[in-house]
């Protein structure tokens, strides 16, 4: 494929290959067997993949059970009341602004909304 011929002709000092036996058509059979093995491996991989996908999408989840009822105490002394705490100087300016808005909301909101 060169425009110019090679300066030194290439030669091999010994035998490159030796044909001892040639059976016509065996190469086709070997190529077909390689194709079958590749096809078989691809089919096995596809079956594994689609079976795994089907197991994920078609599995039946257990029905959700209702949560256990909450035991309420008849004594009112067990109720904890949350009280807003003043922001300290260690808080960032943004956190202090948010907390001030929250405290303002608590003062303006009706008692019913605060209890919820």
PDB file of N, CA and C in Angstrom:
ATOM      1  N   UNK A   1       0.814  -1.183   0.000  1.00  0.00           N
ATOM      2  CA  UNK A   1       0.000   0.000   0.000  1.00  0.00           C
ATOM      3  C   UNK A   1       0.865   1.257   0.000  1.00  0.00           C
ATOM      4  N   UNK A   2       2.182   1.104   0.040  1.00  0.00           N
ATOM      5  CA  UNK A   2       3.062   2.267   0.013  1.00  0.00           C
ATOM      6  C   UNK A   2       3.265   2.737  -1.423  1.00  0.00           C
ATOM      7  N   UNK A   3       3.546   4.026  -1.568  1.00  0.00           N
ATOM      8  CA  UNK A   3       3.837   4.579  -2.889  1.00  0.00           C
ATOM      9  C   UNK A   3       5.231   4.155  -3.361  1.00  0.00           C
ATOM     10  N   UNK A   4       6.134   3.957  -2.376  1.00  0.00           N
ATOM     11  CA  UNK A   4       7.515   3.603  -2.697  1.00  0.00           C
ATOM     12  C   UNK A   4       7.758   2.169  -2.240  1.00  0.00           C
ATOM     13  N   UNK A   5       8.527   1.424  -3.006  1.00  0.00           N
ATOM     14  CA  UNK A   5       8.815   0.042  -2.623  1.00  0.00           C
ATOM     15  C   UNK A   5       9.758   0.005  -1.436  1.00  0.00           C
ATOM     16  N   UNK A   6       9.703  -1.093  -0.689  1.00  0.00           N
ATOM     17  CA  UNK A   6      10.569  -1.247   0.469  1.00  0.00           C
ATOM     18  C   UNK A   6      12.016  -1.373   0.013  1.00  0.00           C
ATOM     19  N   UNK A   7      12.957  -0.771   0.786  1.00  0.00           N
ATOM     20  CA  UNK A   7      14.355  -0.834   0.364  1.00  0.00           C
ATOM     21  C   UNK A   7      14.929  -2.249   0.489  1.00  0.00           C
ATOM     22  N   UNK A   8      14.493  -3.002   1.485  1.00  0.00           N
ATOM     23  CA  UNK A   8      15.009  -4.353   1.685  1.00  0.00           C
ATOM     24  C   UNK A   8      13.824  -5.315   1.636  1.00  0.00           C
ATOM     25  N   UNK A   9      13.858  -6.333   0.823  1.00  0.00           N
ATOM     26  CA  UNK A   9      12.750  -7.281   0.801  1.00  0.00           C
ATOM     27  C   UNK A   9      12.700  -8.090   2.106  1.00  0.00           C
ATOM     28  N   UNK A  10      11.499  -8.330   2.608  1.00  0.00           N
ATOM     29  CA  UNK A  10      11.337  -9.084   3.852  1.00  0.00           C
ATOM     30  C   UNK A  10      11.349 -10.563   3.543  1.00  0.00           C
ATOM     31  N   UNK A  11      12.036 -11.293   4.403  1.00  0.00           N
ATOM     32  CA  UNK A  11      12.080 -12.735   4.259  1.00  0.00           C
ATOM     33  C   UNK A  11      12.110 -13.374   5.640  1.00  0.00           C
ATOM     34  N   UNK A  12      11.605 -14.544   5.743  1.00  0.00           N
ATOM     35  CA  UNK A  12      11.602 -15.263   7.016  1.00  0.00           C
ATOM     36  C   UNK A  12      12.629 -16.380   6.945  1.00  0.00           C
ATOM     37  N   UNK A  13      13.465 -16.497   7.991  1.00  0.00           N
ATOM     38  CA  UNK A  13      14.564 -17.462   7.925  1.00  0.00           C
ATOM     39  C   UNK A  13      14.110 -18.913   8.014  1.00  0.00           C
ATOM     40  N   UNK A  14      13.018 -19.183   8.671  1.00  0.00           N
ATOM     41  CA  UNK A  14      12.590 -20.591   8.822  1.00  0.00           C
ATOM     42  C   UNK A  14      11.165 -20.757   8.334  1.00  0.00           C
ATOM     43  N   UNK A  15      10.581 -21.849   8.739  1.00  0.00           N
ATOM     44  CA  UNK A  15       9.202 -22.108   8.366  1.00  0.00           C
ATOM     45  C   UNK A  15       8.272 -21.244   9.213  1.00  0.00           C
ATOM     46  N   UNK A  16       7.307 -20.653   8.587  1.00  0.00           N
ATOM     47  CA  UNK A  16       6.348 -19.822   9.309  1.00  0.00           C
ATOM     48  C   UNK A  16       5.230 -20.706   9.840  1.00  0.00           C
ATOM     49  N   UNK A  17       4.744 -21.590   9.094  1.00  0.00           N
ATOM     50  CA  UNK A  17       3.688 -22.495   9.515  1.00  0.00           C
ATOM     51  C   UNK A  17       3.740 -23.748   8.680  1.00  0.00           C
ATOM     52  N   UNK A  18       3.207 -24.798   9.233  1.00  0.00           N
ATOM     53  CA  UNK A  18       3.244 -26.064   8.533  1.00  0.00           C
ATOM     54  C   UNK A  18       1.851 -26.671   8.567  1.00  0.00           C
ATOM     55  N   UNK A  19       1.277 -26.933   7.438  1.00  0.00           N
ATOM     56  CA  UNK A  19      -0.047 -27.544   7.360  1.00  0.00           C
ATOM     57  C   UNK A  19       0.148 -29.046   7.374  1.00  0.00           C
ATOM     58  N   UNK A  20      -0.430 -29.680   8.400  1.00  0.00           N
ATOM     59  CA  UNK A  20      -0.314 -31.136   8.492  1.00  0.00           C
ATOM     60  C   UNK A  20      -1.596 -31.814   8.049  1.00  0.00           C
ATOM     61  N   UNK A  21      -2.724 -31.117   8.269  1.00  0.00           N
ATOM     62  CA  UNK A  21      -3.987 -31.739   7.931  1.00  0.00           C
ATOM     63  C   UNK A  21      -4.970 -30.642   7.549  1.00  0.00           C
ATOM     64  N   UNK A  22      -5.717 -30.827   6.524  1.00  0.00           N
ATOM     65  CA  UNK A  22      -6.734 -29.876   6.098  1.00  0.00           C
ATOM     66  C   UNK A  22      -8.011 -30.643   5.811  1.00  0.00           C
ATOM     67  N   UNK A  23      -9.063 -30.288   6.539  1.00  0.00           N
ATOM     68  CA  UNK A  23     -10.353 -30.926   6.325  1.00  0.00           C
ATOM     69  C   UNK A  23     -11.310 -29.825   5.876  1.00  0.00           C
ATOM     70  N   UNK A  24     -11.771 -29.856   4.670  1.00  0.00           N
ATOM     71  CA  UNK A  24     -12.651 -28.813   4.160  1.00  0.00           C
ATOM     72  C   UNK A  24     -13.983 -28.789   4.935  1.00  0.00           C
ATOM     73  N   UNK A  25     -14.426 -27.574   5.286  1.00  0.00           N
ATOM     74  CA  UNK A  25     -15.721 -27.408   5.961  1.00  0.00           C
ATOM     75  C   UNK A  25     -15.647 -27.404   7.474  1.00  0.00           C
ATOM     76  N   UNK A  26     -14.524 -27.815   8.078  1.00  0.00           N
ATOM     77  CA  UNK A  26     -14.429 -27.854   9.544  1.00  0.00           C
ATOM     78  C   UNK A  26     -14.420 -26.437  10.111  1.00  0.00           C
ATOM     79  N   UNK A  27     -13.856 -25.501   9.379  1.00  0.00           N
ATOM     80  CA  UNK A  27     -13.829 -24.118   9.849  1.00  0.00           C
ATOM     81  C   UNK A  27     -15.234 -23.546  10.010  1.00  0.00           C
ATOM     82  N   UNK A  28     -16.140 -23.936   9.106  1.00  0.00           N
ATOM     83  CA  UNK A  28     -17.529 -23.485   9.225  1.00  0.00           C
ATOM     84  C   UNK A  28     -18.180 -24.046  10.492  1.00  0.00           C
ATOM     85  N   UNK A  29     -17.908 -25.297  10.783  1.00  0.00           N
ATOM     86  CA  UNK A  29     -18.478 -25.929  11.981  1.00  0.00           C
ATOM     87  C   UNK A  29     -17.935 -25.275  13.255  1.00  0.00           C
ATOM     88  N   UNK A  30     -16.648 -24.959  13.283  1.00  0.00           N
ATOM     89  CA  UNK A  30     -16.055 -24.308  14.455  1.00  0.00           C
ATOM     90  C   UNK A  30     -16.643 -22.907  14.640  1.00  0.00           C
ATOM     91  N   UNK A  31     -16.781 -22.155  13.554  1.00  0.00           N
ATOM     92  CA  UNK A  31     -17.364 -20.810  13.637  1.00  0.00           C
ATOM     93  C   UNK A  31     -18.813 -20.891  14.113  1.00  0.00           C
ATOM     94  N   UNK A  32     -19.575 -21.900  13.626  1.00  0.00           N
ATOM     95  CA  UNK A  32     -20.962 -22.063  14.050  1.00  0.00           C
ATOM     96  C   UNK A  32     -21.042 -22.395  15.529  1.00  0.00           C
ATOM     97  N   UNK A  33     -20.150 -23.230  16.048  1.00  0.00           N
ATOM     98  CA  UNK A  33     -20.136 -23.576  17.470  1.00  0.00           C
ATOM     99  C   UNK A  33     -19.805 -22.353  18.321  1.00  0.00           C
ATOM    100  N   UNK A  34     -18.882 -21.510  17.852  1.00  0.00           N
ATOM    101  CA  UNK A  34     -18.572 -20.293  18.597  1.00  0.00           C
ATOM    102  C   UNK A  34     -19.792 -19.379  18.634  1.00  0.00           C
ATOM    103  N   UNK A  35     -20.526 -19.309  17.534  1.00  0.00           N
ATOM    104  CA  UNK A  35     -21.731 -18.493  17.479  1.00  0.00           C
ATOM    105  C   UNK A  35     -22.777 -19.035  18.460  1.00  0.00           C
ATOM    106  N   UNK A  36     -22.943 -20.336  18.496  1.00  0.00           N
ATOM    107  CA  UNK A  36     -23.930 -20.954  19.393  1.00  0.00           C
ATOM    108  C   UNK A  36     -23.567 -20.664  20.853  1.00  0.00           C
ATOM    109  N   UNK A  37     -22.292 -20.750  21.205  1.00  0.00           N
ATOM    110  CA  UNK A  37     -21.893 -20.483  22.594  1.00  0.00           C
ATOM    111  C   UNK A  37     -22.164 -19.029  22.971  1.00  0.00           C
ATOM    112  N   UNK A  38     -21.851 -18.112  22.066  1.00  0.00           N
ATOM    113  CA  UNK A  38     -22.133 -16.699  22.345  1.00  0.00           C
ATOM    114  C   UNK A  38     -23.627 -16.456  22.456  1.00  0.00           C
ATOM    115  N   UNK A  39     -24.388 -17.050  21.579  1.00  0.00           N
ATOM    116  CA  UNK A  39     -25.839 -16.901  21.615  1.00  0.00           C
ATOM    117  C   UNK A  39     -26.406 -17.484  22.913  1.00  0.00           C
ATOM    118  N   UNK A  40     -25.901 -18.648  23.300  1.00  0.00           N
ATOM    119  CA  UNK A  40     -26.362 -19.268  24.550  1.00  0.00           C
ATOM    120  C   UNK A  40     -26.032 -18.419  25.760  1.00  0.00           C
ATOM    121  N   UNK A  41     -24.832 -17.867  25.807  1.00  0.00           N
ATOM    122  CA  UNK A  41     -24.445 -17.019  26.946  1.00  0.00           C
ATOM    123  C   UNK A  41     -25.297 -15.762  26.984  1.00  0.00           C
ATOM    124  N   UNK A  42     -25.609 -15.191  25.816  1.00  0.00           N
ATOM    125  CA  UNK A  42     -26.456 -14.006  25.770  1.00  0.00           C
ATOM    126  C   UNK A  42     -27.870 -14.330  26.241  1.00  0.00           C
ATOM    127  N   UNK A  43     -28.400 -15.472  25.840  1.00  0.00           N
ATOM    128  CA  UNK A  43     -29.738 -15.871  26.277  1.00  0.00           C
ATOM    129  C   UNK A  43     -29.799 -16.109  27.778  1.00  0.00           C
ATOM    130  N   UNK A  44     -28.785 -16.750  28.331  1.00  0.00           N
ATOM    131  CA  UNK A  44     -28.753 -16.987  29.782  1.00  0.00           C
ATOM    132  C   UNK A  44     -28.701 -15.661  30.529  1.00  0.00           C
ATOM    133  N   UNK A  45     -27.874 -14.726  30.069  1.00  0.00           N
ATOM    134  CA  UNK A  45     -27.798 -13.414  30.716  1.00  0.00           C
ATOM    135  C   UNK A  45     -29.128 -12.676  30.617  1.00  0.00           C
ATOM    136  N   UNK A  46     -29.801 -12.748  29.465  1.00  0.00           N
ATOM    137  CA  UNK A  46     -31.095 -12.084  29.295  1.00  0.00           C
ATOM    138  C   UNK A  46     -32.148 -12.702  30.209  1.00  0.00           C
ATOM    139  N   UNK A  47     -32.151 -14.023  30.328  1.00  0.00           N
ATOM    140  CA  UNK A  47     -33.117 -14.693  31.212  1.00  0.00           C
ATOM    141  C   UNK A  47     -32.897 -14.277  32.657  1.00  0.00           C
ATOM    142  N   UNK A  48     -31.659 -14.226  33.094  1.00  0.00           N
ATOM    143  CA  UNK A  48     -31.366 -13.801  34.471  1.00  0.00           C
ATOM    144  C   UNK A  48     -31.809 -12.359  34.689  1.00  0.00           C
ATOM    145  N   UNK A  49     -31.514 -11.484  33.734  1.00  0.00           N
ATOM    146  CA  UNK A  49     -31.877 -10.075  33.869  1.00  0.00           C
ATOM    147  C   UNK A  49     -33.390  -9.899  33.956  1.00  0.00           C
ATOM    148  N   UNK A  50     -34.130 -10.489  33.023  1.00  0.00           N
ATOM    149  CA  UNK A  50     -35.575 -10.295  33.003  1.00  0.00           C
ATOM    150  C   UNK A  50     -36.267 -10.990  34.173  1.00  0.00           C
ATOM    151  N   UNK A  51     -35.721 -12.093  34.643  1.00  0.00           N
ATOM    152  CA  UNK A  51     -36.286 -12.739  35.829  1.00  0.00           C
ATOM    153  C   UNK A  51     -36.101 -11.852  37.052  1.00  0.00           C
ATOM    154  N   UNK A  52     -34.936 -11.253  37.193  1.00  0.00           N
ATOM    155  CA  UNK A  52     -34.698 -10.348  38.321  1.00  0.00           C
ATOM    156  C   UNK A  52     -35.617  -9.134  38.244  1.00  0.00           C
ATOM    157  N   UNK A  53     -35.786  -8.572  37.062  1.00  0.00           N
ATOM    158  CA  UNK A  53     -36.675  -7.421  36.902  1.00  0.00           C
ATOM    159  C   UNK A  53     -38.113  -7.795  37.223  1.00  0.00           C
ATOM    160  N   UNK A  54     -38.542  -8.975  36.790  1.00  0.00           N
ATOM    161  CA  UNK A  54     -39.910  -9.410  37.072  1.00  0.00           C
ATOM    162  C   UNK A  54     -40.117  -9.620  38.564  1.00  0.00           C
ATOM    163  N   UNK A  55     -39.110 -10.121  39.249  1.00  0.00           N
ATOM    164  CA  UNK A  55     -39.232 -10.327  40.700  1.00  0.00           C
ATOM    165  C   UNK A  55     -39.401  -9.000  41.417  1.00  0.00           C
ATOM    166  N   UNK A  56     -38.747  -7.964  40.938  1.00  0.00           N
ATOM    167  CA  UNK A  56     -38.861  -6.648  41.577  1.00  0.00           C
ATOM    168  C   UNK A  56     -40.242  -6.049  41.331  1.00  0.00           C
ATOM    169  N   UNK A  57     -40.722  -6.117  40.078  1.00  0.00           N
ATOM    170  CA  UNK A  57     -41.967  -5.445  39.731  1.00  0.00           C
ATOM    171  C   UNK A  57     -43.213  -6.253  40.071  1.00  0.00           C
ATOM    172  N   UNK A  58     -43.121  -7.554  40.111  1.00  0.00           N
ATOM    173  CA  UNK A  58     -44.310  -8.378  40.322  1.00  0.00           C
ATOM    174  C   UNK A  58     -44.431  -8.954  41.724  1.00  0.00           C
ATOM    175  N   UNK A  59     -43.547  -8.584  42.623  1.00  0.00           N
ATOM    176  CA  UNK A  59     -43.634  -9.142  43.968  1.00  0.00           C
ATOM    177  C   UNK A  59     -44.864  -8.591  44.669  1.00  0.00           C
ATOM    178  N   UNK A  60     -45.405  -9.398  45.563  1.00  0.00           N
ATOM    179  CA  UNK A  60     -46.594  -8.987  46.309  1.00  0.00           C
ATOM    180  C   UNK A  60     -46.150  -8.521  47.677  1.00  0.00           C
ATOM    181  N   UNK A  61     -46.447  -7.258  47.967  1.00  0.00           N
ATOM    182  CA  UNK A  61     -46.097  -6.706  49.263  1.00  0.00           C
ATOM    183  C   UNK A  61     -47.106  -7.180  50.295  1.00  0.00           C
ATOM    184  N   UNK A  62     -46.643  -7.329  51.505  1.00  0.00           N
ATOM    185  CA  UNK A  62     -47.541  -7.687  52.589  1.00  0.00           C
ATOM    186  C   UNK A  62     -48.454  -6.503  52.867  1.00  0.00           C
ATOM    187  N   UNK A  63     -49.715  -6.769  53.175  1.00  0.00           N
ATOM    188  CA  UNK A  63     -50.609  -5.641  53.457  1.00  0.00           C
ATOM    189  C   UNK A  63     -50.156  -4.905  54.709  1.00  0.00           C
ATOM    190  N   UNK A  64     -50.299  -3.610  54.665  1.00  0.00           N
ATOM    191  CA  UNK A  64     -49.880  -2.786  55.795  1.00  0.00           C
ATOM    192  C   UNK A  64     -50.846  -3.005  56.957  1.00  0.00           C
ATOM    193  N   UNK A  65     -50.290  -3.191  58.110  1.00  0.00           N
ATOM    194  CA  UNK A  65     -51.130  -3.370  59.288  1.00  0.00           C
ATOM    195  C   UNK A  65     -51.349  -2.020  59.946  1.00  0.00           C
ATOM    196  N   UNK A  66     -52.478  -1.887  60.592  1.00  0.00           N
ATOM    197  CA  UNK A  66     -52.772  -0.638  61.279  1.00  0.00           C
ATOM    198  C   UNK A  66     -51.856  -0.497  62.484  1.00  0.00           C
ATOM    199  N   UNK A  67     -51.405   0.719  62.760  1.00  0.00           N
ATOM    200  CA  UNK A  67     -50.537   0.890  63.926  1.00  0.00           C
ATOM    201  C   UNK A  67     -51.312   0.633  65.212  1.00  0.00           C
ATOM    202  N   UNK A  68     -50.587   0.208  66.211  1.00  0.00           N
ATOM    203  CA  UNK A  68     -51.218  -0.074  67.503  1.00  0.00           C
ATOM    204  C   UNK A  68     -51.770   1.220  68.092  1.00  0.00           C
ATOM    205  N   UNK A  69     -52.926   1.140  68.735  1.00  0.00           N
ATOM    206  CA  UNK A  69     -53.488   2.359  69.323  1.00  0.00           C
ATOM    207  C   UNK A  69     -52.579   2.900  70.413  1.00  0.00           C
ATOM    208  N   UNK A  70     -52.553   4.210  70.514  1.00  0.00           N
ATOM    209  CA  UNK A  70     -51.698   4.875  71.493  1.00  0.00           C
ATOM    210  C   UNK A  70     -52.375   4.812  72.850  1.00  0.00           C
ATOM    211  N   UNK A  71     -51.624   4.400  73.846  1.00  0.00           N
ATOM    212  CA  UNK A  71     -52.147   4.352  75.216  1.00  0.00           C
ATOM    213  C   UNK A  71     -52.093   5.758  75.788  1.00  0.00           C
ATOM    214  N   UNK A  72     -53.238   6.313  76.095  1.00  0.00           N
ATOM    215  CA  UNK A  72     -53.274   7.668  76.655  1.00  0.00           C
ATOM    216  C   UNK A  72     -53.478   7.579  78.152  1.00  0.00           C
ATOM    217  N   UNK A  73     -52.720   8.357  78.808  1.00  0.00           N
ATOM    218  CA  UNK A  73     -52.819   8.382  80.261  1.00  0.00           C
ATOM    219  C   UNK A  73     -53.958   9.306  80.673  1.00  0.00           C
ATOM    220  N   UNK A  74     -54.617   8.963  81.747  1.00  0.00           N
ATOM    221  CA  UNK A  74     -55.717   9.797  82.233  1.00  0.00           C
ATOM    222  C   UNK A  74     -55.199  10.959  83.054  1.00  0.00           C
ATOM    223  N   UNK A  75     -53.966  10.876  83.496  1.00  0.00           N
ATOM    224  CA  UNK A  75     -53.411  11.977  84.300  1.00  0.00           C
ATOM    225  C   UNK A  75     -52.889  13.054  83.371  1.00  0.00           C
ATOM    226  N   UNK A  76     -53.167  14.294  83.675  1.00  0.00           N
ATOM    227  CA  UNK A  76     -52.713  15.404  82.846  1.00  0.00           C
ATOM    228  C   UNK A  76     -51.303  15.850  83.215  1.00  0.00           C
ATOM    229  N   UNK A  77     -50.721  15.299  84.259  1.00  0.00           N
ATOM    230  CA  UNK A  77     -49.381  15.710  84.667  1.00  0.00           C
ATOM    231  C   UNK A  77     -48.307  15.180  83.723  1.00  0.00           C
ATOM    232  N   UNK A  78     -48.638  14.199  82.879  1.00  0.00           N
ATOM    233  CA  UNK A  78     -47.668  13.629  81.943  1.00  0.00           C
ATOM    234  C   UNK A  78     -47.492  14.482  80.695  1.00  0.00           C
ATOM    235  N   UNK A  79     -48.348  15.474  80.494  1.00  0.00           N
ATOM    236  CA  UNK A  79     -48.260  16.309  79.297  1.00  0.00           C
ATOM    237  C   UNK A  79     -47.107  17.287  79.446  1.00  0.00           C
ATOM    238  N   UNK A  80     -46.255  17.297  78.441  1.00  0.00           N
ATOM    239  CA  UNK A  80     -45.113  18.213  78.445  1.00  0.00           C
ATOM    240  C   UNK A  80     -45.481  19.435  77.633  1.00  0.00           C
ATOM    241  N   UNK A  81     -45.198  20.585  78.180  1.00  0.00           N
ATOM    242  CA  UNK A  81     -45.511  21.823  77.473  1.00  0.00           C
ATOM    243  C   UNK A  81     -44.226  22.399  76.899  1.00  0.00           C
ATOM    244  N   UNK A  82     -44.278  22.722  75.615  1.00  0.00           N
ATOM    245  CA  UNK A  82     -43.117  23.308  74.952  1.00  0.00           C
ATOM    246  C   UNK A  82     -43.187  24.816  75.062  1.00  0.00           C
ATOM    247  N   UNK A  83     -42.092  25.396  75.480  1.00  0.00           N
ATOM    248  CA  UNK A  83     -42.019  26.839  75.660  1.00  0.00           C
ATOM    249  C   UNK A  83     -40.906  27.362  74.770  1.00  0.00           C
ATOM    250  N   UNK A  84     -41.146  28.441  74.004  1.00  0.00           N
ATOM    251  CA  UNK A  84     -40.079  28.979  73.157  1.00  0.00           C
ATOM    252  C   UNK A  84     -38.929  29.504  73.999  1.00  0.00           C
ATOM    253  N   UNK A  85     -37.737  29.326  73.491  1.00  0.00           N
ATOM    254  CA  UNK A  85     -36.519  29.757  74.178  1.00  0.00           C
ATOM    255  C   UNK A  85     -35.929  30.921  73.392  1.00  0.00           C
ATOM    256  N   UNK A  86     -35.397  31.895  74.100  1.00  0.00           N
ATOM    257  CA  UNK A  86     -34.782  33.050  73.444  1.00  0.00           C
ATOM    258  C   UNK A  86     -33.528  32.628  72.700  1.00  0.00           C
ATOM    259  N   UNK A  87     -33.279  33.270  71.557  1.00  0.00           N
ATOM    260  CA  UNK A  87     -32.091  32.976  70.778  1.00  0.00           C
ATOM    261  C   UNK A  87     -30.864  33.562  71.465  1.00  0.00           C
ATOM    262  N   UNK A  88     -29.786  32.832  71.422  1.00  0.00           N
ATOM    263  CA  UNK A  88     -28.540  33.308  72.022  1.00  0.00           C
ATOM    264  C   UNK A  88     -27.719  34.047  70.985  1.00  0.00           C
ATOM    265  N   UNK A  89     -26.690  34.727  71.417  1.00  0.00           N
ATOM    266  CA  UNK A  89     -25.836  35.492  70.508  1.00  0.00           C
ATOM    267  C   UNK A  89     -24.949  34.589  69.663  1.00  0.00           C
ATOM    268  N   UNK A  90     -24.836  33.321  70.053  1.00  0.00           N
ATOM    269  CA  UNK A  90     -23.996  32.403  69.298  1.00  0.00           C
ATOM    270  C   UNK A  90     -24.664  31.991  67.979  1.00  0.00           C
ATOM    271  N   UNK A  91     -25.973  32.224  67.840  1.00  0.00           N
ATOM    272  CA  UNK A  91     -26.685  31.854  66.620  1.00  0.00           C
ATOM    273  C   UNK A  91     -26.354  32.834  65.496  1.00  0.00           C
ATOM    274  N   UNK A  92     -26.463  32.380  64.290  1.00  0.00           N
ATOM    275  CA  UNK A  92     -26.202  33.260  63.150  1.00  0.00           C
ATOM    276  C   UNK A  92     -27.344  34.261  62.999  1.00  0.00           C
ATOM    277  N   UNK A  93     -27.118  35.296  62.238  1.00  0.00           N
ATOM    278  CA  UNK A  93     -28.118  36.343  62.037  1.00  0.00           C
ATOM    279  C   UNK A  93     -29.365  35.776  61.360  1.00  0.00           C
ATOM    280  N   UNK A  94     -29.173  34.856  60.406  1.00  0.00           N
ATOM    281  CA  UNK A  94     -30.306  34.251  59.711  1.00  0.00           C
ATOM    282  C   UNK A  94     -31.132  33.414  60.675  1.00  0.00           C
ATOM    283  N   UNK A  95     -30.482  32.638  61.527  1.00  0.00           N
ATOM    284  CA  UNK A  95     -31.203  31.825  62.503  1.00  0.00           C
ATOM    285  C   UNK A  95     -31.949  32.714  63.493  1.00  0.00           C
ATOM    286  N   UNK A  96     -31.367  33.830  63.892  1.00  0.00           N
ATOM    287  CA  UNK A  96     -32.034  34.747  64.809  1.00  0.00           C
ATOM    288  C   UNK A  96     -33.267  35.373  64.153  1.00  0.00           C
ATOM    289  N   UNK A  97     -33.177  35.730  62.870  1.00  0.00           N
ATOM    290  CA  UNK A  97     -34.317  36.305  62.159  1.00  0.00           C
ATOM    291  C   UNK A  97     -35.458  35.302  62.066  1.00  0.00           C
ATOM    292  N   UNK A  98     -35.121  34.048  61.741  1.00  0.00           N
ATOM    293  CA  UNK A  98     -36.148  33.009  61.631  1.00  0.00           C
ATOM    294  C   UNK A  98     -36.811  32.771  62.979  1.00  0.00           C
ATOM    295  N   UNK A  99     -36.015  32.732  64.029  1.00  0.00           N
ATOM    296  CA  UNK A  99     -36.563  32.501  65.367  1.00  0.00           C
ATOM    297  C   UNK A  99     -37.455  33.661  65.807  1.00  0.00           C
ATOM    298  N   UNK A 100     -37.068  34.892  65.478  1.00  0.00           N
ATOM    299  CA  UNK A 100     -37.884  36.057  65.829  1.00  0.00           C
ATOM    300  C   UNK A 100     -39.221  36.003  65.100  1.00  0.00           C
ATOM    301  N   UNK A 101     -39.235  35.597  63.832  1.00  0.00           N
ATOM    302  CA  UNK A 101     -40.492  35.457  63.104  1.00  0.00           C
ATOM    303  C   UNK A 101     -41.361  34.377  63.718  1.00  0.00           C
ATOM    304  N   UNK A 102     -40.745  33.310  64.166  1.00  0.00           N
ATOM    305  CA  UNK A 102     -41.492  32.225  64.815  1.00  0.00           C
ATOM    306  C   UNK A 102     -42.126  32.715  66.116  1.00  0.00           C
ATOM    307  N   UNK A 103     -41.367  33.439  66.917  1.00  0.00           N
ATOM    308  CA  UNK A 103     -41.915  33.965  68.176  1.00  0.00           C
ATOM    309  C   UNK A 103     -43.051  34.945  67.909  1.00  0.00           C
ATOM    310  N   UNK A 104     -42.928  35.762  66.877  1.00  0.00           N
ATOM    311  CA  UNK A 104     -43.980  36.708  66.520  1.00  0.00           C
ATOM    312  C   UNK A 104     -45.241  35.953  66.110  1.00  0.00           C
ATOM    313  N   UNK A 105     -45.064  34.871  65.357  1.00  0.00           N
ATOM    314  CA  UNK A 105     -46.210  34.056  64.951  1.00  0.00           C
ATOM    315  C   UNK A 105     -46.889  33.430  66.173  1.00  0.00           C
ATOM    316  N   UNK A 106     -46.065  32.945  67.113  1.00  0.00           N
ATOM    317  CA  UNK A 106     -46.638  32.337  68.313  1.00  0.00           C
ATOM    318  C   UNK A 106     -47.478  33.331  69.102  1.00  0.00           C
ATOM    319  N   UNK A 107     -47.074  34.570  69.142  1.00  0.00           N
ATOM    320  CA  UNK A 107     -47.812  35.581  69.891  1.00  0.00           C
ATOM    321  C   UNK A 107     -49.102  35.963  69.168  1.00  0.00           C
ATOM    322  N   UNK A 108     -49.104  35.942  67.842  1.00  0.00           N
ATOM    323  CA  UNK A 108     -50.273  36.360  67.086  1.00  0.00           C
ATOM    324  C   UNK A 108     -51.257  35.225  66.836  1.00  0.00           C
ATOM    325  N   UNK A 109     -50.790  33.993  66.796  1.00  0.00           N
ATOM    326  CA  UNK A 109     -51.640  32.853  66.470  1.00  0.00           C
ATOM    327  C   UNK A 109     -52.614  32.578  67.605  1.00  0.00           C
ATOM    328  N   UNK A 110     -53.829  32.132  67.280  1.00  0.00           N
ATOM    329  CA  UNK A 110     -54.757  31.776  68.342  1.00  0.00           C
ATOM    330  C   UNK A 110     -54.263  30.562  69.102  1.00  0.00           C
ATOM    331  N   UNK A 111     -54.765  30.390  70.299  1.00  0.00           N
ATOM    332  CA  UNK A 111     -54.315  29.295  71.168  1.00  0.00           C
ATOM    333  C   UNK A 111     -54.593  27.939  70.552  1.00  0.00           C
ATOM    334  N   UNK A 112     -55.651  27.822  69.776  1.00  0.00           N
ATOM    335  CA  UNK A 112     -56.003  26.558  69.162  1.00  0.00           C
ATOM    336  C   UNK A 112     -54.935  26.127  68.136  1.00  0.00           C
ATOM    337  N   UNK A 113     -54.433  27.069  67.347  1.00  0.00           N
ATOM    338  CA  UNK A 113     -53.403  26.770  66.360  1.00  0.00           C
ATOM    339  C   UNK A 113     -52.096  26.405  67.023  1.00  0.00           C
ATOM    340  N   UNK A 114     -51.782  27.007  68.134  1.00  0.00           N
ATOM    341  CA  UNK A 114     -50.542  26.691  68.841  1.00  0.00           C
ATOM    342  C   UNK A 114     -50.589  25.305  69.460  1.00  0.00           C
ATOM    343  N   UNK A 115     -51.768  24.854  69.873  1.00  0.00           N
ATOM    344  CA  UNK A 115     -51.898  23.548  70.506  1.00  0.00           C
ATOM    345  C   UNK A 115     -51.717  22.434  69.485  1.00  0.00           C
ATOM    346  N   UNK A 116     -52.017  22.689  68.226  1.00  0.00           N
ATOM    347  CA  UNK A 116     -51.890  21.676  67.189  1.00  0.00           C
ATOM    348  C   UNK A 116     -50.464  21.502  66.857  1.00  0.00           C
TER     349      UNK A 116
END
